[in-house]
Protein backbone atom coordinates (compact mmCIF):
# COMPACT_ATOMS: atom_id res chain seq x y z
CA MET A 1 49.20 -77.30 -31.38
CA SER A 2 45.54 -77.99 -30.95
CA ALA A 3 42.74 -77.78 -33.47
CA GLN A 4 39.98 -75.25 -32.99
CA THR A 5 36.81 -74.51 -34.91
CA THR A 6 37.69 -70.82 -35.28
CA SER A 7 40.28 -69.34 -37.60
CA SER A 8 42.75 -69.24 -34.69
CA VAL A 9 45.50 -71.73 -34.04
CA GLU A 10 46.97 -72.31 -30.61
CA VAL A 11 50.73 -71.87 -30.63
CA ARG A 12 52.99 -73.48 -28.05
CA PRO A 13 55.75 -71.40 -26.40
CA ALA A 14 58.79 -71.07 -28.65
CA THR A 15 61.27 -69.42 -26.30
CA ALA A 16 62.99 -70.49 -23.10
CA ASP A 17 61.07 -67.99 -20.97
CA GLY A 18 57.73 -69.37 -22.18
CA SER A 19 56.84 -66.47 -24.47
CA SER A 20 55.94 -67.31 -28.04
CA LEU A 21 57.55 -66.02 -31.19
CA LEU A 22 54.26 -66.73 -32.96
CA ARG A 23 51.03 -65.01 -32.09
CA THR A 24 47.44 -65.60 -33.12
CA VAL A 25 45.87 -62.24 -33.86
CA GLY A 26 42.51 -60.96 -34.99
CA PRO A 27 41.80 -58.26 -37.60
CA ASP A 28 42.12 -55.39 -35.10
CA ASP A 29 45.46 -56.69 -33.81
CA ALA A 30 46.83 -57.10 -37.34
CA PHE A 31 45.65 -53.63 -38.35
CA ASN A 32 47.41 -52.11 -35.35
CA LEU A 33 50.80 -53.80 -35.79
CA PRO A 34 53.56 -51.24 -35.21
CA LEU A 35 55.00 -50.07 -38.53
CA TYR A 36 58.54 -49.97 -37.18
CA GLU A 37 58.64 -53.68 -36.34
CA HIS A 38 59.07 -56.62 -38.70
CA HIS A 39 56.15 -59.03 -38.88
CA LEU A 40 55.34 -61.96 -41.12
CA VAL A 41 51.55 -62.15 -41.35
CA MET A 42 50.47 -65.64 -42.36
CA ASP A 43 46.91 -66.22 -43.53
CA ILE A 44 46.11 -69.83 -42.61
CA ARG A 45 42.71 -69.97 -44.30
CA PRO A 46 42.18 -72.27 -47.30
CA SER A 47 43.66 -70.91 -50.56
CA HIS A 48 40.23 -70.18 -52.09
CA GLU A 49 39.35 -67.93 -49.13
CA TYR A 50 42.74 -66.17 -49.31
CA SER A 51 42.21 -65.50 -53.03
CA ARG A 52 38.83 -63.84 -52.29
CA GLY A 53 40.54 -61.28 -50.07
CA HIS A 54 43.37 -60.86 -47.60
CA MET A 55 45.57 -58.26 -45.91
CA ALA A 56 47.92 -56.65 -48.42
CA THR A 57 51.03 -57.93 -46.63
CA ALA A 58 49.74 -61.39 -45.69
CA VAL A 59 51.18 -64.53 -47.24
CA SER A 60 49.09 -67.63 -47.74
CA PHE A 61 49.94 -70.71 -45.68
CA PRO A 62 46.86 -72.95 -45.71
CA TYR A 63 46.88 -74.80 -42.39
CA PRO A 64 47.71 -78.49 -42.92
CA PRO A 65 44.85 -80.99 -42.52
CA LEU A 66 44.12 -82.12 -38.97
CA GLN A 67 45.06 -85.67 -39.95
CA THR A 68 48.64 -84.41 -40.31
CA SER A 69 50.77 -85.13 -37.25
CA GLU A 70 51.80 -82.27 -34.98
CA GLU A 71 55.45 -82.87 -35.88
CA GLU A 72 54.67 -82.68 -39.60
CA ARG A 73 52.62 -79.48 -39.18
CA GLU A 74 55.50 -77.89 -37.25
CA ARG A 75 58.00 -79.00 -39.90
CA LEU A 76 55.83 -77.59 -42.71
CA LEU A 77 55.47 -74.29 -40.87
CA ILE A 78 59.19 -73.98 -40.12
CA ASP A 79 60.13 -74.93 -43.70
CA PHE A 80 57.69 -72.33 -45.06
CA ILE A 81 59.07 -69.58 -42.80
CA HIS A 82 62.69 -70.44 -43.64
CA SER A 83 61.91 -70.44 -47.36
CA TYR A 84 60.05 -67.13 -47.13
CA VAL A 85 62.77 -65.42 -45.09
CA LYS A 86 65.51 -66.71 -47.39
CA GLN A 87 63.66 -65.43 -50.46
CA TYR A 88 62.31 -62.08 -49.26
CA MET A 89 64.06 -60.81 -46.14
CA ARG A 90 67.31 -58.88 -46.04
CA PRO A 91 69.70 -59.45 -43.15
CA GLU A 92 69.54 -56.70 -40.53
CA ASN A 93 73.32 -56.50 -40.17
CA PRO A 94 75.04 -57.89 -43.27
CA SER A 95 78.68 -58.81 -42.65
């Protein structure tokens, strides 16, 4: 991942075919997400900005400081997603 001065974060490909499971989107993209699909919208702004206003379905994940290694940032992100999914998501096909 590379640091940028905007509120976007570059995401490296996460699948074998080079497509990414994660996407950086702007307000228009987020507003137009299909209602029939499942999305986890993560607001990576600092907590004080998130508390001033955010999308109703967004969860706060303040982006780790740039001094944090890439491996640590990835680990924090994956741990956060796993924790969130375990706590809030139902399995699509329970056995």
